[in-house]
Amino acid sequence: MMLGQRFEQDISKDFHQRGIPILISPMLLRKKGLGQIDLAHLVNNKVIVYEIKSSRIGKQSLYRGKQITRLRRSTFWLARIFKKHAQLKIIAKR
């Protein structure tokens, strides 16, 4: 298992106990030109989308590329579907 996958798996164990998980097909998101979502859940009447980065370099490159724009559009799309406020959060390994 790759380092990034292990980091995401460790986070998801705790994450899914805090709210109602939202599972979205990556194929559907790609069809709509949206960013693939690592983790998402519904908590306190809000959709929270998480992007998991296994390094600070990965986090820095996120802000330089088009990925952050696609992730924001995915977050906005989920807000419209669920008719809830939504938030995008970035988690990076230190």
Protein backbone atom coordinates (compact mmCIF):
# COMPACT_ATOMS: atom_id res chain seq x y z
CA MET A 1 0.00 0.00 0.00
CA MET A 2 1.30 3.44 -0.91
CA LEU A 3 2.02 6.03 1.80
CA GLY A 4 -0.74 8.38 0.64
CA GLN A 5 -3.33 5.61 0.58
CA ARG A 6 -2.35 4.51 4.10
CA PHE A 7 -2.62 8.09 5.39
CA GLU A 8 -6.08 8.49 3.81
CA GLN A 9 -7.20 5.12 5.22
CA ASP A 10 -6.10 6.07 8.75
CA ILE A 11 -7.97 9.37 8.55
CA SER A 12 -11.12 7.79 7.10
CA LYS A 13 -11.49 5.35 10.04
CA ASP A 14 -11.96 8.24 12.46
CA PHE A 15 -13.72 10.46 9.93
CA HIS A 16 -16.64 8.12 9.22
CA GLN A 17 -17.55 7.92 12.90
CA ARG A 18 -18.16 11.69 13.08
CA GLY A 19 -20.99 12.05 10.57
CA ILE A 20 -23.00 10.43 7.82
CA PRO A 21 -20.60 9.39 5.04
CA ILE A 22 -21.31 10.62 1.51
CA LEU A 23 -20.07 8.36 -1.26
CA ILE A 24 -19.82 9.78 -4.77
CA SER A 25 -18.79 7.96 -7.89
CA PRO A 26 -15.49 9.32 -9.27
CA MET A 27 -16.81 8.53 -12.76
CA LEU A 28 -19.83 10.79 -12.21
CA LEU A 29 -17.63 13.61 -10.93
CA ARG A 30 -15.27 13.27 -13.91
CA LYS A 31 -18.23 13.30 -16.34
CA LYS A 32 -19.32 16.61 -14.85
CA GLY A 33 -15.79 18.04 -14.96
CA LEU A 34 -15.61 18.10 -11.17
CA GLY A 35 -12.78 17.07 -8.84
CA GLN A 36 -12.61 13.62 -7.32
CA ILE A 37 -13.43 13.72 -3.62
CA ASP A 38 -11.31 11.85 -1.06
CA LEU A 39 -13.81 12.00 1.81
CA ALA A 40 -17.15 13.70 2.43
CA HIS A 41 -19.76 13.54 5.13
CA LEU A 42 -22.81 15.28 6.49
CA VAL A 43 -22.36 16.62 10.00
CA ASN A 44 -24.34 19.27 11.91
CA ASN A 45 -26.52 19.90 8.85
CA LYS A 46 -23.46 20.75 6.72
CA VAL A 47 -21.63 18.90 3.93
CA ILE A 48 -17.91 18.75 4.59
CA VAL A 49 -15.55 17.67 1.81
CA TYR A 50 -11.96 16.72 2.60
CA GLU A 51 -8.94 16.54 0.32
CA ILE A 52 -6.19 14.42 1.87
CA LYS A 53 -2.56 15.15 1.02
CA SER A 54 0.23 12.91 2.31
CA SER A 55 2.84 15.68 2.10
CA ARG A 56 3.21 19.44 2.33
CA ILE A 57 4.49 19.43 -1.25
CA GLY A 58 1.21 17.86 -2.36
CA LYS A 59 -0.71 20.54 -0.50
CA GLN A 60 1.34 23.33 -2.07
CA SER A 61 0.87 21.92 -5.58
CA LEU A 62 -2.89 21.72 -4.97
CA TYR A 63 -3.09 25.52 -4.83
CA ARG A 64 -0.99 26.00 -7.97
CA GLY A 65 -2.99 23.66 -10.20
CA LYS A 66 -6.53 23.26 -11.44
CA GLN A 67 -7.37 20.59 -8.86
CA ILE A 68 -8.45 23.11 -6.22
CA THR A 69 -10.90 24.70 -8.67
CA ARG A 70 -12.42 21.31 -9.52
CA LEU A 71 -12.67 20.44 -5.80
CA ARG A 72 -14.41 23.73 -5.04
CA ARG A 73 -16.89 23.04 -7.84
CA SER A 74 -17.49 19.55 -6.42
CA THR A 75 -18.17 21.07 -3.01
CA PHE A 76 -20.58 23.62 -4.49
CA TRP A 77 -22.33 20.85 -6.48
CA LEU A 78 -22.85 18.77 -3.31
CA ALA A 79 -24.22 21.83 -1.50
CA ARG A 80 -26.82 22.25 -4.25
CA ILE A 81 -27.75 18.55 -4.27
CA PHE A 82 -28.16 18.29 -0.50
CA LYS A 83 -29.49 21.86 -0.13
CA LYS A 84 -27.01 22.42 2.69
CA HIS A 85 -24.05 24.64 3.36
CA ALA A 86 -20.79 22.97 2.33
CA GLN A 87 -17.15 23.39 3.21
CA LEU A 88 -13.93 22.14 1.63
CA LYS A 89 -11.10 21.27 4.02
CA ILE A 90 -7.55 20.23 3.19
CA ILE A 91 -5.73 17.79 5.46
CA ALA A 92 -1.97 17.42 4.93
CA LYS A 93 0.45 15.18 6.75
CA ARG A 94 2.99 17.28 8.63
